[in-house]
Amino acid sequence: MGDYRARAMLLVIFIFPALMEGKVRLYDFRVVLTNTTKLCSTKSIVTINGKFPGPTIYAREGDNVNINLTNHVQYNVTIHWHGVRQLRTGWADGPAYITQCPIQPGKSYLYNFTLTGQRGTLLWHAHISWLRATVHGAIVIFPKKGVPYPFPKPDKEKIIILGEWWKADVEAIVNQSTQSGLPPNISDAHVVNGQTGAVPGCPSPGFTLHVESGKTYLLRIINAALNDELFFKIAGHNITVVEVDAAYTKAFSTDTIFIGPGQTTNALLTADKSVGKYLIAVSPFMDTVVAVDNVTAIAFLRYKGTAVFSPPVLTTTPAINATPVTSTFMDNLRSLNSKKYPASVPLTLDHSLYFTIGVGIDPCATCVNGSKAVGAINNISFIMPTTALLQAHYYGINGVFTDDFPALPPLYFNYTGNNTAFNLQTTNGTRAYRLAFNSTVQLVLQGTTLIAPESHPFHLHGFNFFVVGKGFGNFDPDNDPKKFNLADPVERNTISVPTAGWAAIRFRADNPGVWFLHCHLEVHTTWGLKMVFVVDNGKGPNESLLPPPSDLPSC
């Protein structure tokens, strides 16, 4: 442990002297197997330090964070710090074979990055195979010392992490799916801070959120589920949203949070109801024919002074296909856009991209039906390399990827119409789209109805973006931009593209490196619904990717 801390300090002082503005936060992450019992059955799961969910990273804006990760399990491992900008430190971003080779069994790696210009709630999770089912946790970034929240100061703060649970071994499930070519089994339950609550046939106490009358709580809500967009609701209480994805929003009150995998929401809860116990319900959203885990996770909000056997105040969950609830919630999200926290939306564009997103069917001689489900962007299913793309980019290694990813789909048709007669086969490759440093990008993500339409939560590594528009059906390049919100659009790192609809985002490519764009439904990432942006260096060292660390894992 002492050696690690000394090495971390030397790395910070000598390699990254410009990153020394705030404090250095040191964490030791040990990847270990842990026996865990849920749903009345026990299995061994991969965890960090034996905890599920894993330990919380606490820091302030401007702090340098050092996490030494040592792998004590039989799987290769990486960790992604979801939503952290990683300005010039792409080596610490974490997606396997994109920015680093995996950390092999028995090996270690020091993740070293600075939290520049960010404050709020983010998450960390494994970014290889499906290990993030149990390898995940919260990142809490407080404002700089002396800087207040731009909303009433809460009395206390509570972290609430939502997830999924499988009775079976998750790695076995995804391996079986890959071999068969069929979709993987859905999860058996949803969890709140690692607890399922009572489910049919298996009693469980579930998670309890303890509150005191009259006090206000900042709830830091994280969706760490693999494949499910979720509703979060507390019986009898409205909550006030003040931030999403570590970006402040204009405050608005709601009784239901809609949150996709990889997204975070900070909301104020005032304990102003009668003393008692109130149901917290976490239920799935799915407005199409795709199978989903429809088990509602049950937790409770409990006021101090509540009688021991007090019956809970109940609530109704939104319908599983409650598209209007999701639309209303997303429409209410607006950037704070204050003098201190402006919404710096790019108004002129260097790149205007149109990406179709969806699933297809490719031949597979070894699969059950002679075919397999795949995901594709602009009809290209991404093939994972065996050399990390960031290393290939930095060292100029040829033959690992090409930079000819198309800005537009190969074929124009009615993407959200009845397309049952279409050829569902995709092309494939490891193809990137190249951006000059500081160039501005508009990207329209267009859902399709091939096989089945679905809501896709898309995550962009290395950047925040502004959601300037969204809608159902096909994007209309002539009329839809006239309705774009360029004044105070919500700033995010993950956006749910509506089922059989589209979302338009804008960002500035001010971060050199190789950056992953992918659907955050793990099943779709596995199938190839992903691509990368390569952002070239700008002028001088402050606009250039830092050199790789000496302990960067090798493939």
Protein backbone atom coordinates (compact mmCIF):
# COMPACT_ATOMS: atom_id res chain seq x y z
CA MET A 1 0.00 0.00 0.00
CA GLY A 2 2.80 2.40 0.88
CA ASP A 3 4.56 1.73 -2.42
CA TYR A 4 1.36 2.49 -4.32
CA ARG A 5 0.83 5.82 -2.54
CA ALA A 6 4.43 6.87 -3.13
CA ARG A 7 4.19 5.89 -6.80
CA ALA A 8 0.93 7.78 -7.15
CA MET A 9 2.41 10.95 -5.69
CA LEU A 10 5.49 10.73 -7.92
CA LEU A 11 3.31 10.29 -10.99
CA VAL A 12 1.25 13.33 -10.07
CA ILE A 13 4.17 15.57 -9.20
CA PHE A 14 6.56 14.72 -12.03
CA ILE A 15 4.34 13.58 -14.89
CA PHE A 16 1.24 15.70 -14.36
CA PRO A 17 2.42 18.89 -12.59
CA ALA A 18 -0.41 20.92 -14.15
CA LEU A 19 -2.96 18.69 -12.42
CA MET A 20 -1.99 19.74 -8.89
CA GLU A 21 -4.63 22.46 -8.39
CA GLY A 22 -6.72 20.59 -5.80
CA LYS A 23 -6.04 17.80 -3.35
CA VAL A 24 -4.87 14.34 -4.34
CA ARG A 25 -7.50 11.71 -3.51
CA LEU A 26 -6.07 8.20 -3.14
CA TYR A 27 -8.14 5.02 -3.41
CA ASP A 28 -7.18 1.36 -3.38
CA PHE A 29 -9.50 -0.88 -5.44
CA ARG A 30 -9.08 -4.65 -5.12
CA VAL A 31 -11.06 -6.76 -7.58
CA VAL A 32 -12.16 -9.83 -5.63
CA LEU A 33 -14.77 -12.59 -5.64
CA THR A 34 -17.44 -12.26 -2.93
CA ASN A 35 -20.19 -14.69 -1.94
CA THR A 36 -23.55 -12.91 -1.93
CA THR A 37 -27.10 -14.09 -1.19
CA LYS A 38 -30.12 -12.56 -2.93
CA LEU A 39 -33.45 -13.97 -4.07
CA CYS A 40 -32.89 -16.82 -1.62
CA SER A 41 -29.83 -18.11 -3.49
CA THR A 42 -26.09 -17.59 -3.06
CA LYS A 43 -23.47 -17.07 -5.73
CA SER A 44 -19.96 -15.68 -6.09
CA ILE A 45 -19.78 -12.24 -7.71
CA VAL A 46 -16.97 -9.93 -8.81
CA THR A 47 -16.75 -6.88 -6.55
CA ILE A 48 -14.45 -4.05 -5.58
CA ASN A 49 -13.18 -4.54 -2.02
CA GLY A 50 -15.94 -7.08 -1.36
CA LYS A 51 -18.73 -4.48 -1.63
CA PHE A 52 -21.88 -4.41 -3.78
CA PRO A 53 -22.36 -1.67 -4.79
CA GLY A 54 -18.70 -0.73 -4.60
CA PRO A 55 -17.03 2.06 -2.60
CA THR A 56 -17.92 5.69 -3.29
CA ILE A 57 -15.29 8.03 -4.72
CA TYR A 58 -15.47 11.39 -2.91
CA ALA A 59 -13.63 14.44 -4.26
CA ARG A 60 -13.97 18.14 -5.03
CA GLU A 61 -13.90 19.94 -8.34
CA GLY A 62 -10.25 20.40 -9.28
CA ASP A 63 -8.99 17.43 -7.26
CA ASN A 64 -6.63 14.86 -8.68
CA VAL A 65 -7.93 11.30 -8.20
CA ASN A 66 -5.67 8.25 -8.04
CA ILE A 67 -7.23 4.78 -7.92
CA ASN A 68 -4.84 1.86 -7.78
CA LEU A 69 -6.70 -1.17 -9.12
CA THR A 70 -5.35 -4.67 -8.46
CA ASN A 71 -7.01 -7.63 -10.16
CA HIS A 72 -7.41 -10.69 -7.91
CA VAL A 73 -9.99 -12.56 -10.06
CA GLN A 74 -9.77 -14.82 -13.10
CA TYR A 75 -11.28 -12.26 -15.48
CA ASN A 76 -9.63 -9.38 -17.29
CA VAL A 77 -10.85 -6.09 -15.80
CA THR A 78 -11.05 -2.37 -16.58
CA ILE A 79 -12.91 0.47 -14.86
CA HIS A 80 -14.59 3.42 -16.59
CA TRP A 81 -15.19 6.66 -14.69
CA HIS A 82 -18.48 7.38 -16.39
CA GLY A 83 -18.95 11.06 -17.19
CA VAL A 84 -15.50 12.21 -16.06
CA ARG A 85 -14.20 14.40 -18.89
CA GLN A 86 -10.65 12.97 -18.73
CA LEU A 87 -9.20 16.11 -20.28
CA ARG A 88 -5.97 14.97 -21.98
CA THR A 89 -5.96 11.83 -19.77
CA GLY A 90 -7.71 9.35 -22.05
CA TRP A 91 -5.39 6.61 -20.74
CA ALA A 92 -7.53 6.63 -17.59
CA ASP A 93 -10.94 6.46 -19.31
CA GLY A 94 -11.18 2.69 -19.00
CA PRO A 95 -13.10 1.00 -21.86
CA ALA A 96 -11.26 -2.21 -22.73
CA TYR A 97 -9.46 -2.18 -26.09
CA ILE A 98 -10.55 1.42 -26.70
CA THR A 99 -8.29 3.42 -24.37
CA GLN A 100 -6.39 0.60 -22.67
CA CYS A 101 -5.70 -3.09 -22.73
CA PRO A 102 -7.41 -4.95 -19.88
CA ILE A 103 -5.81 -5.42 -16.47
CA GLN A 104 -5.02 -9.11 -16.45
CA PRO A 105 -5.33 -11.42 -13.43
CA GLY A 106 -2.66 -10.63 -10.85
CA LYS A 107 -1.82 -7.25 -12.43
CA SER A 108 -2.51 -3.66 -11.32
CA TYR A 109 -2.95 -0.23 -12.90
CA LEU A 110 -3.07 3.28 -11.47
CA TYR A 111 -5.98 5.34 -12.82
CA ASN A 112 -4.90 8.98 -12.59
CA PHE A 113 -7.16 11.88 -13.59
CA THR A 114 -8.26 15.36 -12.54
CA LEU A 115 -11.85 16.52 -12.08
CA THR A 116 -11.65 19.69 -14.16
CA GLY A 117 -14.74 21.93 -14.33
CA GLN A 118 -17.07 19.24 -13.01
CA ARG A 119 -19.13 18.88 -9.88
CA GLY A 120 -22.09 16.61 -9.07
CA THR A 121 -22.88 12.90 -9.22
CA LEU A 122 -21.32 10.43 -11.65
CA LEU A 123 -20.62 6.70 -11.49
CA TRP A 124 -17.81 4.26 -12.09
CA HIS A 125 -18.22 0.76 -13.49
CA ALA A 126 -16.34 -2.10 -15.12
CA HIS A 127 -16.05 -1.65 -18.88
CA ILE A 128 -15.35 -5.13 -20.19
CA SER A 129 -17.84 -7.93 -20.88
CA TRP A 130 -20.78 -7.70 -18.41
CA LEU A 131 -18.75 -7.31 -15.22
CA ARG A 132 -20.37 -3.98 -14.46
CA ALA A 133 -23.45 -5.91 -13.28
CA THR A 134 -21.75 -6.04 -9.87
CA VAL A 135 -18.66 -3.85 -10.35
CA HIS A 136 -19.98 -0.32 -10.00
CA GLY A 137 -20.28 2.55 -7.56
CA ALA A 138 -20.83 6.29 -7.12
CA ILE A 139 -18.60 9.27 -7.81
CA VAL A 140 -19.50 12.31 -5.69
CA ILE A 141 -17.79 15.55 -6.75
CA PHE A 142 -18.39 18.43 -4.36
CA PRO A 143 -17.97 22.04 -5.52
CA LYS A 144 -14.71 23.77 -4.73
CA LYS A 145 -14.38 24.84 -1.11
CA GLY A 146 -16.47 27.92 -0.40
CA VAL A 147 -18.58 27.51 -3.57
CA PRO A 148 -22.26 26.87 -2.71
CA TYR A 149 -24.74 24.72 -4.56
CA PRO A 150 -26.95 26.80 -6.90
CA PHE A 151 -30.00 25.50 -4.99
CA PRO A 152 -31.03 25.45 -1.31
CA LYS A 153 -28.42 23.67 0.77
CA PRO A 154 -29.71 20.24 1.88
CA ASP A 155 -29.48 19.04 5.47
CA LYS A 156 -28.11 15.67 4.37
CA GLU A 157 -27.16 13.78 1.21
CA LYS A 158 -28.06 10.20 0.29
CA ILE A 159 -26.72 7.99 -2.52
CA ILE A 160 -29.23 5.68 -4.23
CA ILE A 161 -27.82 3.23 -6.79
CA LEU A 162 -30.26 1.29 -8.96
CA GLY A 163 -29.22 -1.95 -10.63
CA GLU A 164 -30.16 -5.43 -11.83
CA TRP A 165 -29.62 -8.88 -10.35
CA TRP A 166 -29.33 -12.29 -12.00
CA LYS A 167 -29.52 -15.53 -10.01
CA ALA A 168 -27.18 -17.13 -12.54
CA ASP A 169 -23.57 -16.17 -13.23
CA VAL A 170 -23.73 -13.11 -15.49
CA GLU A 171 -20.54 -13.91 -17.39
CA ALA A 172 -21.91 -17.39 -18.15
CA ILE A 173 -25.13 -15.79 -19.44
CA VAL A 174 -23.37 -13.45 -21.87
CA ASN A 175 -20.99 -16.21 -23.03
CA GLN A 176 -23.93 -18.52 -23.72
CA SER A 177 -25.69 -15.74 -25.64
CA THR A 178 -22.60 -15.03 -27.72
CA GLN A 179 -22.21 -18.70 -28.61
CA SER A 180 -25.89 -19.25 -29.43
CA GLY A 181 -26.49 -15.97 -31.26
CA LEU A 182 -29.67 -15.50 -29.23
CA PRO A 183 -30.50 -12.61 -26.86
CA PRO A 184 -29.26 -13.16 -23.28
CA ASN A 185 -31.60 -13.98 -20.42
CA ILE A 186 -33.16 -10.96 -18.73
CA SER A 187 -32.35 -10.21 -15.10
CA ASP A 188 -34.37 -11.73 -12.23
CA ALA A 189 -34.82 -8.57 -10.17
CA HIS A 190 -33.95 -4.92 -9.79
CA VAL A 191 -31.99 -3.67 -6.80
CA VAL A 192 -31.79 -0.46 -4.76
CA ASN A 193 -28.36 -0.05 -3.15
CA GLY A 194 -27.79 -3.75 -3.73
CA GLN A 195 -31.07 -4.95 -2.18
CA THR A 196 -34.04 -6.37 -4.07
CA GLY A 197 -36.69 -5.86 -1.42
CA ALA A 198 -39.51 -8.37 -1.14
CA VAL A 199 -40.17 -10.41 -4.29
CA PRO A 200 -42.68 -13.25 -4.76
CA GLY A 201 -41.44 -16.38 -3.01
CA CYS A 202 -38.50 -14.73 -1.26
CA PRO A 203 -38.85 -12.27 1.65
CA SER A 204 -36.21 -9.55 1.89
CA PRO A 205 -36.15 -6.39 4.01
CA GLY A 206 -34.90 -4.21 1.17
CA PHE A 207 -33.26 -0.79 1.42
CA THR A 208 -34.61 1.84 3.83
CA LEU A 209 -34.07 5.57 3.36
CA HIS A 210 -34.21 7.10 6.86
CA VAL A 211 -35.39 10.72 7.13
CA GLU A 212 -36.35 13.22 9.81
CA SER A 213 -39.41 15.47 9.61
CA GLY A 214 -38.68 18.93 8.27
CA LYS A 215 -35.27 18.14 6.85
CA THR A 216 -34.28 18.35 3.18
CA TYR A 217 -32.20 15.64 1.52
CA LEU A 218 -30.18 15.68 -1.68
CA LEU A 219 -30.76 12.31 -3.34
CA ARG A 220 -27.92 11.30 -5.66
CA ILE A 221 -29.69 8.74 -7.87
CA ILE A 222 -27.65 6.53 -10.21
CA ASN A 223 -28.85 3.95 -12.74
CA ALA A 224 -26.17 1.26 -12.80
CA ALA A 225 -28.46 -1.32 -14.46
CA LEU A 226 -27.09 -3.15 -17.47
CA ASN A 227 -30.09 -3.17 -19.77
CA ASP A 228 -33.07 -1.39 -18.18
CA GLU A 229 -34.27 2.20 -18.24
CA LEU A 230 -36.10 2.79 -14.97
CA PHE A 231 -38.74 4.84 -13.18
CA PHE A 232 -38.07 5.94 -9.58
CA LYS A 233 -40.96 7.04 -7.39
CA ILE A 234 -41.56 7.70 -3.67
CA ALA A 235 -45.14 7.36 -2.40
CA GLY A 236 -46.73 10.65 -1.40
CA HIS A 237 -43.67 12.79 -2.15
CA ASN A 238 -42.59 15.04 -4.97
CA ILE A 239 -38.88 15.64 -5.50
CA THR A 240 -37.14 18.58 -7.13
CA VAL A 241 -34.61 17.81 -9.87
CA VAL A 242 -31.55 20.10 -9.73
CA GLU A 243 -28.89 18.22 -11.71
CA VAL A 244 -28.39 15.41 -14.22
CA ASP A 245 -25.10 13.78 -15.25
CA ALA A 246 -23.13 16.22 -13.05
CA ALA A 247 -24.56 19.30 -14.80
CA TYR A 248 -26.89 21.70 -12.97
CA THR A 249 -30.43 22.12 -14.27
CA LYS A 250 -33.25 24.55 -13.75
CA ALA A 251 -35.18 23.13 -10.81
CA PHE A 252 -38.48 21.38 -11.44
CA SER A 253 -40.76 19.26 -9.29
CA THR A 254 -41.90 15.77 -10.23
CA ASP A 255 -43.26 12.62 -8.62
CA THR A 256 -41.38 10.31 -11.03
CA ILE A 257 -37.76 10.19 -12.16
CA PHE A 258 -36.95 8.60 -15.53
CA ILE A 259 -33.35 7.44 -15.65
CA GLY A 260 -31.46 5.32 -18.18
CA PRO A 261 -28.39 3.14 -17.62
CA GLY A 262 -25.36 5.35 -17.02
CA GLN A 263 -27.45 8.40 -16.14
CA THR A 264 -27.52 10.21 -12.80
CA THR A 265 -30.10 12.55 -11.29
CA ASN A 266 -29.73 14.76 -8.23
CA ALA A 267 -33.04 15.72 -6.61
CA LEU A 268 -34.10 17.47 -3.41
CA LEU A 269 -36.53 15.64 -1.14
CA THR A 270 -38.18 17.49 1.73
CA ALA A 271 -39.51 15.26 4.49
CA ASP A 272 -42.75 17.21 4.96
CA LYS A 273 -45.36 14.44 5.18
CA SER A 274 -46.86 12.67 8.18
CA VAL A 275 -44.52 10.43 10.15
CA GLY A 276 -44.69 6.96 8.64
CA LYS A 277 -43.27 4.52 6.13
CA TYR A 278 -43.58 5.24 2.40
CA LEU A 279 -43.01 2.87 -0.49
CA ILE A 280 -40.14 3.54 -2.92
CA ALA A 281 -40.77 1.80 -6.25
CA VAL A 282 -38.22 1.21 -9.02
CA SER A 283 -39.87 -0.18 -12.14
CA PRO A 284 -38.78 -0.67 -15.77
CA PHE A 285 -39.69 1.29 -18.88
CA MET A 286 -40.14 -0.55 -22.18
CA ASP A 287 -42.51 0.79 -24.85
CA THR A 288 -41.93 -1.89 -27.47
CA VAL A 289 -41.98 -5.67 -27.89
CA VAL A 290 -38.51 -6.33 -26.43
CA ALA A 291 -38.42 -8.58 -23.33
CA VAL A 292 -37.55 -6.82 -20.09
CA ASP A 293 -37.26 -7.65 -16.40
CA ASN A 294 -40.66 -6.40 -15.14
CA VAL A 295 -40.00 -7.04 -11.43
CA THR A 296 -40.42 -3.86 -9.38
CA ALA A 297 -37.75 -3.24 -6.75
CA ILE A 298 -39.25 -2.28 -3.41
CA ALA A 299 -37.58 0.01 -0.87
CA PHE A 300 -38.95 2.29 1.83
CA LEU A 301 -38.65 5.87 3.03
CA ARG A 302 -39.03 5.83 6.81
CA TYR A 303 -39.53 8.88 9.02
CA LYS A 304 -37.84 8.99 12.40
CA GLY A 305 -40.45 8.06 15.03
CA THR A 306 -42.39 5.67 12.79
CA ALA A 307 -43.95 2.76 14.70
CA VAL A 308 -42.12 -0.54 14.18
CA PHE A 309 -44.94 -2.36 12.36
CA SER A 310 -46.44 0.66 10.65
CA PRO A 311 -48.09 -0.28 7.30
CA PRO A 312 -46.51 1.55 4.35
CA VAL A 313 -48.13 4.27 2.28
CA LEU A 314 -48.33 2.77 -1.21
CA THR A 315 -48.00 4.24 -4.68
CA THR A 316 -48.73 3.22 -8.25
CA THR A 317 -45.87 2.77 -10.70
CA PRO A 318 -46.06 4.19 -14.21
CA ALA A 319 -47.19 1.72 -16.85
CA ILE A 320 -44.24 -0.20 -18.27
CA ASN A 321 -44.86 1.52 -21.64
CA ALA A 322 -45.50 5.01 -20.21
CA THR A 323 -43.80 6.91 -23.04
CA PRO A 324 -45.57 10.21 -22.13
CA VAL A 325 -44.02 10.07 -18.63
CA THR A 326 -40.53 9.73 -20.12
CA SER A 327 -41.17 12.52 -22.64
CA THR A 328 -42.49 14.92 -20.01
CA PHE A 329 -39.52 14.27 -17.73
CA MET A 330 -36.95 14.79 -20.51
CA ASP A 331 -38.77 17.87 -21.83
CA ASN A 332 -38.57 19.48 -18.38
CA LEU A 333 -34.77 19.19 -18.27
CA ARG A 334 -33.08 22.52 -19.00
CA SER A 335 -29.55 23.71 -18.31
CA LEU A 336 -29.22 26.17 -15.46
CA ASN A 337 -27.56 28.57 -17.95
CA SER A 338 -26.56 31.09 -15.27
CA LYS A 339 -23.66 33.52 -15.43
CA LYS A 340 -21.53 31.10 -13.39
CA TYR A 341 -22.77 27.96 -15.17
CA PRO A 342 -23.50 28.98 -18.78
CA ALA A 343 -24.78 26.66 -21.48
CA SER A 344 -22.02 27.04 -24.08
CA VAL A 345 -23.90 25.47 -26.97
CA PRO A 346 -21.97 25.43 -30.28
CA LEU A 347 -23.90 27.70 -32.66
CA THR A 348 -21.76 27.12 -35.74
CA LEU A 349 -20.95 23.60 -36.91
CA ASP A 350 -17.90 22.00 -38.50
CA HIS A 351 -19.46 18.52 -38.68
CA SER A 352 -23.12 17.61 -39.13
CA LEU A 353 -23.51 13.87 -38.59
CA TYR A 354 -26.51 11.60 -38.98
CA PHE A 355 -26.18 8.15 -37.40
CA THR A 356 -28.85 5.48 -37.67
CA ILE A 357 -28.87 3.16 -34.66
CA GLY A 358 -30.48 -0.24 -34.28
CA VAL A 359 -30.09 -3.98 -34.55
CA GLY A 360 -29.68 -6.43 -37.40
CA ILE A 361 -29.09 -10.09 -38.17
CA ASP A 362 -25.77 -11.44 -39.47
CA PRO A 363 -24.83 -14.97 -40.54
CA CYS A 364 -23.21 -17.15 -37.87
CA ALA A 365 -22.32 -20.70 -38.83
CA THR A 366 -21.80 -21.81 -35.22
CA CYS A 367 -25.00 -20.24 -33.85
CA VAL A 368 -28.27 -22.05 -33.13
CA ASN A 369 -30.23 -20.63 -36.06
CA GLY A 370 -27.26 -20.01 -38.34
CA SER A 371 -27.48 -16.31 -37.51
CA LYS A 372 -26.88 -13.87 -34.67
CA ALA A 373 -28.27 -10.56 -33.47
CA VAL A 374 -25.97 -7.59 -34.00
CA GLY A 375 -26.08 -3.85 -33.31
CA ALA A 376 -25.03 -1.28 -35.87
CA ILE A 377 -24.51 2.45 -36.39
CA ASN A 378 -24.98 3.52 -40.02
CA ASN A 379 -25.24 -0.22 -40.73
CA ILE A 380 -21.71 -0.85 -39.39
CA SER A 381 -21.37 -3.33 -36.54
CA PHE A 382 -18.23 -2.41 -34.59
CA ILE A 383 -15.53 -5.08 -34.30
CA MET A 384 -13.47 -4.84 -31.13
CA PRO A 385 -9.72 -4.69 -31.82
CA THR A 386 -7.04 -6.71 -30.02
CA THR A 387 -4.81 -3.63 -29.62
CA ALA A 388 -6.14 -0.64 -27.70
CA LEU A 389 -7.20 2.07 -30.17
CA LEU A 390 -5.70 4.91 -28.14
CA GLN A 391 -2.28 3.25 -28.28
CA ALA A 392 -2.66 2.65 -32.01
CA HIS A 393 -3.58 6.32 -32.47
CA TYR A 394 -0.80 7.66 -30.23
CA TYR A 395 1.97 5.50 -31.70
CA GLY A 396 0.67 5.51 -35.27
CA ILE A 397 0.22 1.73 -35.43
CA ASN A 398 -1.30 0.79 -38.78
CA GLY A 399 -3.90 -1.89 -39.39
CA VAL A 400 -5.76 -1.54 -36.07
CA PHE A 401 -8.54 0.82 -37.21
CA THR A 402 -9.54 3.01 -40.13
CA ASP A 403 -10.80 6.58 -39.88
CA ASP A 404 -13.47 6.32 -42.58
CA PHE A 405 -16.61 5.97 -40.49
CA PRO A 406 -19.40 7.50 -42.61
CA ALA A 407 -21.03 10.77 -41.56
CA LEU A 408 -24.34 9.63 -43.09
CA PRO A 409 -26.21 6.31 -43.47
CA PRO A 410 -25.37 4.27 -46.57
CA LEU A 411 -29.04 4.11 -47.58
CA TYR A 412 -31.94 6.49 -47.04
CA PHE A 413 -35.35 4.95 -46.35
CA ASN A 414 -38.24 5.32 -43.92
CA TYR A 415 -36.20 4.38 -40.84
CA THR A 416 -39.19 4.24 -38.51
CA GLY A 417 -41.70 2.70 -40.91
CA ASN A 418 -42.70 -0.91 -41.51
CA ASN A 419 -39.41 -2.43 -42.64
CA THR A 420 -40.12 -6.16 -42.44
CA ALA A 421 -38.95 -6.80 -46.01
CA PHE A 422 -35.50 -5.23 -45.56
CA ASN A 423 -32.20 -7.06 -45.67
CA LEU A 424 -31.14 -7.13 -42.01
CA GLN A 425 -27.47 -7.95 -42.60
CA THR A 426 -24.86 -5.37 -41.59
CA THR A 427 -21.31 -4.60 -42.59
CA ASN A 428 -18.66 -4.61 -39.90
CA GLY A 429 -15.30 -3.09 -39.07
CA THR A 430 -13.22 -1.11 -36.60
CA ARG A 431 -13.90 2.30 -38.05
CA ALA A 432 -13.49 5.73 -36.46
CA TYR A 433 -14.64 9.25 -37.32
CA ARG A 434 -11.81 11.78 -37.10
CA LEU A 435 -12.26 15.27 -35.64
CA ALA A 436 -9.85 18.20 -35.53
CA PHE A 437 -9.19 19.64 -32.09
CA ASN A 438 -11.86 22.17 -31.03
CA SER A 439 -14.12 21.43 -33.99
CA THR A 440 -17.86 21.60 -33.37
CA VAL A 441 -20.17 18.67 -33.96
CA GLN A 442 -23.88 18.13 -34.36
CA LEU A 443 -24.90 14.49 -34.19
CA VAL A 444 -28.42 13.27 -34.88
CA LEU A 445 -29.00 9.78 -33.49
CA GLN A 446 -31.83 8.18 -35.48
CA GLY A 447 -33.62 5.14 -34.13
CA THR A 448 -34.85 2.49 -36.56
CA THR A 449 -37.59 -0.14 -36.55
CA LEU A 450 -35.53 -2.94 -38.09
CA ILE A 451 -36.43 -6.08 -36.10
CA ALA A 452 -37.81 -3.95 -33.25
CA PRO A 453 -37.71 -0.27 -32.32
CA GLU A 454 -36.30 0.49 -28.88
CA SER A 455 -35.25 3.37 -26.66
CA HIS A 456 -31.44 3.56 -26.77
CA PRO A 457 -29.51 5.35 -23.98
CA PHE A 458 -26.42 6.57 -25.83
CA HIS A 459 -23.24 7.53 -23.96
CA LEU A 460 -20.33 9.60 -25.29
CA HIS A 461 -17.00 9.24 -23.49
CA GLY A 462 -14.72 12.24 -22.98
CA PHE A 463 -17.35 14.94 -23.45
CA ASN A 464 -20.56 16.44 -22.22
CA PHE A 465 -23.03 17.35 -24.93
CA PHE A 466 -26.15 19.49 -25.25
CA VAL A 467 -29.43 17.83 -26.23
CA VAL A 468 -30.77 20.46 -28.63
CA GLY A 469 -33.75 18.46 -29.90
CA LYS A 470 -35.56 15.14 -29.97
CA GLY A 471 -38.69 13.69 -31.51
CA PHE A 472 -40.52 10.66 -32.79
CA GLY A 473 -40.37 9.31 -36.33
CA ASN A 474 -37.71 10.35 -38.81
CA PHE A 475 -35.59 13.45 -38.27
CA ASP A 476 -36.59 16.21 -40.70
CA PRO A 477 -33.42 18.17 -41.59
CA ASP A 478 -35.43 21.06 -43.01
CA ASN A 479 -37.98 21.65 -40.25
CA ASP A 480 -36.77 20.01 -37.01
CA PRO A 481 -33.71 22.28 -36.57
CA LYS A 482 -36.06 25.28 -36.52
CA LYS A 483 -37.39 23.94 -33.20
CA PHE A 484 -33.98 23.27 -31.63
CA ASN A 485 -33.34 24.70 -28.18
CA LEU A 486 -30.01 26.52 -28.50
CA ALA A 487 -30.53 28.70 -25.43
CA ASP A 488 -30.68 26.35 -22.43
CA PRO A 489 -30.66 22.71 -23.61
CA VAL A 490 -29.86 20.09 -21.00
CA GLU A 491 -26.19 19.13 -20.75
CA ARG A 492 -25.54 15.39 -20.37
CA ASN A 493 -23.17 12.54 -21.15
CA THR A 494 -25.93 9.95 -21.79
CA ILE A 495 -29.19 10.52 -23.67
CA SER A 496 -32.14 8.18 -24.19
CA VAL A 497 -32.99 8.26 -27.88
CA PRO A 498 -36.78 7.78 -28.07
CA THR A 499 -38.19 4.53 -29.45
CA ALA A 500 -38.58 4.91 -33.23
CA GLY A 501 -37.40 8.48 -32.83
CA TRP A 502 -34.31 10.68 -32.81
CA ALA A 503 -32.19 12.94 -30.62
CA ALA A 504 -29.87 15.74 -31.72
CA ILE A 505 -26.79 16.59 -29.66
CA ARG A 506 -24.01 19.15 -30.02
CA PHE A 507 -20.52 19.21 -28.53
CA ARG A 508 -17.09 20.77 -29.00
CA ALA A 509 -14.23 18.34 -29.65
CA ASP A 510 -11.86 20.00 -27.17
CA ASN A 511 -10.41 16.79 -25.73
CA PRO A 512 -7.72 14.96 -27.74
CA GLY A 513 -7.82 11.17 -27.75
CA VAL A 514 -10.01 8.24 -28.78
CA TRP A 515 -13.56 8.41 -27.44
CA PHE A 516 -16.19 5.71 -27.37
CA LEU A 517 -19.80 6.34 -28.44
CA HIS A 518 -22.15 3.45 -27.65
CA CYS A 519 -25.56 2.34 -26.53
CA HIS A 520 -25.42 1.88 -22.74
CA LEU A 521 -27.70 -1.14 -22.88
CA GLU A 522 -24.97 -3.72 -22.33
CA VAL A 523 -26.66 -6.23 -24.62
CA HIS A 524 -26.43 -3.76 -27.51
CA THR A 525 -22.83 -2.81 -26.73
CA THR A 526 -21.96 -6.50 -26.87
CA TRP A 527 -23.71 -6.79 -30.24
CA GLY A 528 -21.67 -3.95 -31.77
CA LEU A 529 -23.88 -0.86 -31.37
CA LYS A 530 -20.85 1.39 -30.93
CA MET A 531 -18.16 3.44 -32.71
CA VAL A 532 -15.29 5.79 -31.83
CA PHE A 533 -14.29 9.38 -32.45
CA VAL A 534 -10.60 10.17 -32.86
CA VAL A 535 -9.84 13.75 -31.80
CA ASP A 536 -6.45 14.96 -32.99
CA ASN A 537 -4.11 17.09 -30.90
CA GLY A 538 -4.37 20.85 -31.15
CA LYS A 539 -1.49 23.32 -30.85
CA GLY A 540 1.03 22.89 -28.07
CA PRO A 541 1.08 20.66 -24.98
CA ASN A 542 -2.09 22.05 -23.39
CA GLU A 543 -4.11 20.86 -26.39
CA SER A 544 -2.39 17.50 -26.68
CA LEU A 545 -2.90 14.05 -25.22
CA LEU A 546 -0.49 13.36 -22.35
CA PRO A 547 2.02 10.51 -22.81
CA PRO A 548 0.87 7.07 -21.66
CA PRO A 549 1.72 6.10 -18.07
CA SER A 550 4.54 3.61 -17.53
CA ASP A 551 2.20 0.99 -16.01
CA LEU A 552 -0.33 1.03 -18.86
CA PRO A 553 -1.47 -2.61 -19.28
CA SER A 554 -0.35 -4.53 -22.35
CA CYS A 555 -2.62 -6.77 -24.41
